[in-house]
Amino acid sequence: MRPQPQIVSVSVPVEVLAHFDGLSLPAHQTEHASGVDLSAAEEIFLAAGERRLVSTGIKVAIPVGYEGQIRPRSGMALKSGVIIPNSPGTIDADYRGEIKVILWNLSNTDYPINKGDRIAQMVLVPVVQINWQPVASLDDTARGAGGFGHTGS
């Protein structure tokens, strides 16, 4: 029998702002969910084609060695055409401002967002930093310098 993978739990300090009043902290919705849903801490009206920055009402202190990735909620994109254009967005370990989410309404219908609506999800991900190693040339591979679409459809 193979050993079962263990879920890693990391403590993340969170500060709630005044406009978070009445909302619940982001939580995993199922036992094995990788992300927590972020909710809007304000009411806005997202016109067709419009992009807006939406407040979540929270600040976090991501631990060193991790990043918070802001990702779209698939149901929201499918049902309403509202997406996160810079997905995934990154919250670095040294950022201490409010988490805000850029939403873009790609549909031709206006879309209301109410306080408490789930607008994005955040996943905590380990970070590996780059240590560049300058070389005179790179090793050869079967693909070589083949670009986009080089390996077929």
Protein backbone atom coordinates (compact mmCIF):
# COMPACT_ATOMS: atom_id res chain seq x y z
CA MET A 1 0.00 0.00 0.00
CA ARG A 2 1.30 3.44 -0.95
CA PRO A 3 1.56 6.06 1.78
CA GLN A 4 -1.12 8.74 1.60
CA PRO A 5 0.10 12.26 0.76
CA GLN A 6 -0.25 14.67 3.64
CA ILE A 7 -1.89 18.06 3.38
CA VAL A 8 0.49 20.79 4.54
CA SER A 9 -1.05 23.50 6.70
CA VAL A 10 0.67 26.90 6.88
CA SER A 11 -0.40 29.69 9.24
CA VAL A 12 -1.00 33.02 7.49
CA PRO A 13 -1.63 36.14 9.58
CA VAL A 14 -4.68 38.07 8.32
CA GLU A 15 -5.87 41.58 9.16
CA VAL A 16 -9.47 42.53 8.47
CA LEU A 17 -10.29 46.08 7.44
CA ALA A 18 -13.37 48.11 8.41
CA HIS A 19 -15.16 47.42 5.10
CA PHE A 20 -14.78 43.64 5.69
CA ASP A 21 -17.50 43.93 8.35
CA GLY A 22 -20.11 41.17 8.09
CA LEU A 23 -17.94 38.85 5.97
CA SER A 24 -16.25 35.57 6.89
CA LEU A 25 -12.55 34.86 6.49
CA PRO A 26 -11.68 33.00 3.27
CA ALA A 27 -11.96 29.26 3.80
CA HIS A 28 -11.44 26.00 1.95
CA GLN A 29 -14.88 24.94 0.71
CA THR A 30 -14.12 21.21 0.60
CA GLU A 31 -11.75 18.88 2.44
CA HIS A 32 -9.16 18.77 -0.34
CA ALA A 33 -9.65 22.21 -1.93
CA SER A 34 -6.33 23.83 -2.77
CA GLY A 35 -7.60 27.40 -2.65
CA VAL A 36 -9.75 29.63 -0.50
CA ASP A 37 -12.48 31.79 -2.01
CA LEU A 38 -12.00 35.55 -1.77
CA SER A 39 -15.13 37.68 -1.47
CA ALA A 40 -15.89 41.23 -2.54
CA ALA A 41 -15.90 43.66 0.40
CA GLU A 42 -17.84 46.24 -1.60
CA GLU A 43 -20.72 46.53 -4.01
CA ILE A 44 -19.84 47.49 -7.55
CA PHE A 45 -21.41 47.40 -10.97
CA LEU A 46 -19.16 45.98 -13.67
CA ALA A 47 -20.32 47.30 -17.03
CA ALA A 48 -19.89 45.20 -20.16
CA GLY A 49 -16.24 45.40 -21.24
CA GLU A 50 -15.17 47.18 -18.04
CA ARG A 51 -12.19 46.32 -15.79
CA ARG A 52 -12.30 47.22 -12.09
CA LEU A 53 -10.19 46.70 -9.00
CA VAL A 54 -12.35 45.08 -6.31
CA SER A 55 -11.55 45.21 -2.58
CA THR A 56 -11.54 42.06 -0.46
CA GLY A 57 -11.21 43.86 2.88
CA ILE A 58 -8.24 41.79 4.05
CA LYS A 59 -4.48 42.13 4.32
CA VAL A 60 -2.22 39.10 4.75
CA ALA A 61 1.38 38.33 5.69
CA ILE A 62 2.36 35.50 3.35
CA PRO A 63 5.20 33.53 4.96
CA VAL A 64 8.67 33.80 3.41
CA GLY A 65 9.13 30.96 0.95
CA TYR A 66 5.54 31.18 -0.34
CA GLU A 67 3.40 33.34 -2.59
CA GLY A 68 -0.34 33.79 -2.70
CA GLN A 69 -1.70 33.20 -6.21
CA ILE A 70 -4.97 34.90 -7.12
CA ARG A 71 -6.90 32.80 -9.61
CA PRO A 72 -10.29 33.06 -11.27
CA ARG A 73 -13.33 31.09 -10.17
CA SER A 74 -14.20 28.89 -13.14
CA GLY A 75 -17.96 29.10 -12.63
CA MET A 76 -17.87 32.89 -12.66
CA ALA A 77 -15.94 32.96 -15.92
CA LEU A 78 -18.21 30.40 -17.59
CA LYS A 79 -21.54 31.78 -16.40
CA SER A 80 -20.90 35.53 -16.55
CA GLY A 81 -17.83 36.12 -18.71
CA VAL A 82 -16.08 37.89 -15.81
CA ILE A 83 -12.40 36.95 -15.61
CA ILE A 84 -9.16 37.92 -13.88
CA PRO A 85 -6.90 39.26 -16.66
CA ASN A 86 -3.56 38.87 -14.86
CA SER A 87 -4.13 35.32 -13.74
CA PRO A 88 -2.52 34.13 -11.68
CA GLY A 89 -1.88 37.33 -9.79
CA THR A 90 0.90 37.17 -7.20
CA ILE A 91 0.94 38.29 -3.58
CA ASP A 92 4.58 38.34 -2.51
CA ALA A 93 5.71 37.53 1.02
CA ASP A 94 6.73 41.15 1.64
CA TYR A 95 3.44 42.78 0.46
CA ARG A 96 1.29 44.16 3.28
CA GLY A 97 -1.46 46.06 1.45
CA GLU A 98 -5.07 45.07 0.97
CA ILE A 99 -5.73 42.20 -1.41
CA LYS A 100 -7.61 43.55 -4.39
CA VAL A 101 -8.70 41.64 -7.47
CA ILE A 102 -8.82 42.94 -11.04
CA LEU A 103 -12.06 41.79 -12.65
CA TRP A 104 -12.81 42.20 -16.35
CA ASN A 105 -16.29 41.76 -17.76
CA LEU A 106 -15.76 40.23 -21.21
CA SER A 107 -19.49 39.76 -21.78
CA ASN A 108 -21.86 42.20 -23.46
CA THR A 109 -24.03 42.27 -20.31
CA ASP A 110 -23.49 44.41 -17.23
CA TYR A 111 -22.66 42.41 -14.10
CA PRO A 112 -23.44 43.43 -10.50
CA ILE A 113 -21.08 42.35 -7.73
CA ASN A 114 -22.52 42.37 -4.23
CA LYS A 115 -20.61 42.53 -0.99
CA GLY A 116 -19.87 38.92 -0.02
CA ASP A 117 -19.90 37.54 -3.59
CA ARG A 118 -17.04 35.11 -4.16
CA ILE A 119 -14.89 36.74 -6.86
CA ALA A 120 -11.59 34.83 -6.90
CA GLN A 121 -9.62 32.14 -5.17
CA MET A 122 -6.23 32.29 -3.50
CA VAL A 123 -3.77 29.40 -3.43
CA LEU A 124 -0.64 29.37 -1.28
CA VAL A 125 2.31 28.11 -3.34
CA PRO A 126 5.97 27.44 -2.47
CA VAL A 127 8.46 29.75 -4.18
CA VAL A 128 11.77 28.80 -5.76
CA GLN A 129 13.98 31.81 -6.50
CA ILE A 130 16.20 31.92 -9.58
CA ASN A 131 19.97 31.88 -9.28
CA TRP A 132 21.23 32.67 -12.82
CA GLN A 133 24.27 30.76 -14.04
CA PRO A 134 25.77 32.57 -17.08
CA VAL A 135 27.18 30.13 -19.66
CA ALA A 136 28.75 30.50 -23.12
CA SER A 137 26.03 28.34 -24.71
CA LEU A 138 23.18 26.04 -23.72
CA ASP A 139 23.08 22.26 -24.19
CA ASP A 140 21.26 20.88 -27.25
CA THR A 141 17.85 19.22 -27.00
CA ALA A 142 15.59 17.45 -29.51
CA ARG A 143 13.33 20.52 -29.61
CA GLY A 144 16.16 23.03 -29.86
CA ALA A 145 14.92 26.57 -30.55
CA GLY A 146 11.52 25.45 -31.92
CA GLY A 147 8.92 27.97 -30.82
CA PHE A 148 5.15 28.14 -30.35
CA GLY A 149 3.38 25.26 -32.05
CA HIS A 150 6.67 23.56 -32.90
CA THR A 151 5.71 20.25 -31.31
CA GLY A 152 2.37 19.94 -33.16
CA SER A 153 -1.23 20.77 -32.35
